[in-house]
Amino acid sequence: MARPSVVADGIEDRVFAALASPVRREVLRLLRDDGPQPVQQLADHFEMARPSFSEQLRVLRDAGLVSERKEGRQRIYRLEPVPLAEVQDWLSPYERFWRERMSELGKVLDRMEDA
């Protein structure tokens, strides 16, 4: 059986895999709320060994969700929102699907109240 075609096979998988981790989602939230930050400032929010935290950052970089730049001896991480917008674009039809279903359910419930 042939595998279904997937748009830009690979990058979307990496983005969804990156978003699967609560640690990585929290890193993204910190970068969204507080702007670019050095690795150590980000790592201070988590109780994990530095190599483990660096692996979390690598997954985010590989998915294109963050970028890093060197500033002296520090590595500064920054949120890259484009892949998140692409995920939103992918999810949008499902959101419309469920909104329509909920609207129909609301209408059914309203009719049941009137009966």
Protein backbone atom coordinates (compact mmCIF):
# COMPACT_ATOMS: atom_id res chain seq x y z
CA MET A 1 0.00 0.00 0.00
CA ALA A 2 1.40 3.41 -0.97
CA ARG A 3 2.13 5.93 1.71
CA PRO A 4 -0.11 9.02 1.56
CA SER A 5 1.53 12.16 0.24
CA VAL A 6 2.61 14.55 2.98
CA VAL A 7 3.28 18.22 2.26
CA ALA A 8 6.98 18.99 2.73
CA ASP A 9 7.49 15.58 4.34
CA GLY A 10 9.93 15.94 7.18
CA ILE A 11 9.85 19.49 8.50
CA GLU A 12 6.23 19.23 9.68
CA ASP A 13 7.10 15.96 11.40
CA ARG A 14 10.02 17.66 13.17
CA VAL A 15 7.81 20.59 14.23
CA PHE A 16 5.09 18.34 15.63
CA ALA A 17 7.71 16.13 17.34
CA ALA A 18 9.31 19.24 18.87
CA LEU A 19 5.94 20.48 20.13
CA ALA A 20 5.22 17.10 21.74
CA SER A 21 7.55 17.84 24.65
CA PRO A 22 6.30 20.00 27.54
CA VAL A 23 9.87 21.19 28.15
CA ARG A 24 10.22 22.41 24.57
CA ARG A 25 6.79 24.05 24.62
CA GLU A 26 7.82 25.89 27.80
CA VAL A 27 11.05 27.06 26.13
CA LEU A 28 8.98 28.44 23.26
CA ARG A 29 6.65 30.17 25.72
CA LEU A 30 9.59 31.75 27.54
CA LEU A 31 11.04 33.02 24.28
CA ARG A 32 7.63 34.30 23.15
CA ASP A 33 6.93 36.11 26.43
CA ASP A 34 10.42 37.34 27.34
CA GLY A 35 12.18 37.61 23.99
CA PRO A 36 15.63 36.31 23.03
CA GLN A 37 17.60 34.83 25.92
CA PRO A 38 20.97 33.23 26.64
CA VAL A 39 21.02 29.47 27.09
CA GLN A 40 21.78 29.70 30.80
CA GLN A 41 18.84 32.01 31.46
CA LEU A 42 16.54 29.52 29.72
CA ALA A 43 18.14 26.52 31.42
CA ASP A 44 17.62 28.09 34.86
CA HIS A 45 13.88 27.43 34.46
CA PHE A 46 14.38 23.65 34.30
CA GLU A 47 15.74 21.03 36.65
CA MET A 48 17.77 19.04 34.16
CA ALA A 49 21.41 18.54 33.29
CA ARG A 50 22.84 21.03 30.83
CA PRO A 51 23.51 18.37 28.14
CA SER A 52 19.87 17.27 28.37
CA PHE A 53 18.69 20.85 28.04
CA SER A 54 21.04 21.40 25.08
CA GLU A 55 19.40 18.40 23.39
CA GLN A 56 15.99 20.06 23.85
CA LEU A 57 17.32 23.21 22.17
CA ARG A 58 18.82 21.14 19.33
CA VAL A 59 15.42 19.59 18.60
CA LEU A 60 13.85 23.07 18.50
CA ARG A 61 16.62 24.33 16.19
CA ASP A 62 16.29 21.34 13.87
CA ALA A 63 12.54 22.03 13.61
CA GLY A 64 13.24 25.69 12.78
CA LEU A 65 11.35 26.86 15.87
CA VAL A 66 14.33 28.69 17.38
CA SER A 67 17.53 30.21 16.10
CA GLU A 68 20.77 30.90 17.91
CA ARG A 69 23.43 33.53 17.56
CA LYS A 70 26.70 33.92 19.36
CA GLU A 71 27.18 37.07 21.37
CA GLY A 72 30.61 36.95 22.94
CA ARG A 73 30.75 33.70 24.87
CA GLN A 74 26.98 33.35 25.07
CA ARG A 75 24.54 31.70 22.71
CA ILE A 76 21.33 33.69 22.46
CA TYR A 77 18.15 31.86 21.47
CA ARG A 78 15.24 33.47 19.70
CA LEU A 79 11.77 32.23 18.74
CA GLU A 80 11.22 31.68 15.02
CA PRO A 81 7.44 31.87 14.55
CA VAL A 82 7.14 30.85 10.88
CA PRO A 83 6.90 27.08 11.53
CA LEU A 84 4.19 27.76 14.12
CA ALA A 85 2.22 29.77 11.57
CA GLU A 86 2.56 26.85 9.15
CA VAL A 87 1.19 24.49 11.83
CA GLN A 88 -1.70 26.90 12.37
CA ASP A 89 -2.37 26.90 8.63
CA TRP A 90 -2.40 23.10 8.68
CA LEU A 91 -4.75 23.00 11.69
CA SER A 92 -7.13 25.67 10.40
CA PRO A 93 -9.40 23.34 8.38
CA TYR A 94 -9.81 21.11 11.44
CA GLU A 95 -10.71 24.10 13.56
CA ARG A 96 -13.38 25.10 11.03
CA PHE A 97 -14.62 21.49 10.93
CA TRP A 98 -15.13 21.38 14.71
CA ARG A 99 -16.63 24.88 14.87
CA GLU A 100 -19.23 23.85 12.32
CA ARG A 101 -19.96 20.64 14.24
CA MET A 102 -20.32 22.52 17.53
CA SER A 103 -22.62 25.04 15.88
CA GLU A 104 -24.81 22.22 14.57
CA LEU A 105 -24.84 20.61 18.01
CA GLY A 106 -25.89 23.94 19.53
CA LYS A 107 -28.79 24.14 17.10
CA VAL A 108 -29.89 20.60 17.99
CA LEU A 109 -29.74 21.40 21.70
CA ASP A 110 -31.72 24.62 21.16
CA ARG A 111 -34.42 22.66 19.33
CA MET A 112 -34.49 20.11 22.15
CA GLU A 113 -35.04 22.90 24.72
CA ASP A 114 -37.91 24.28 22.66
CA ALA A 115 -39.60 20.88 22.44
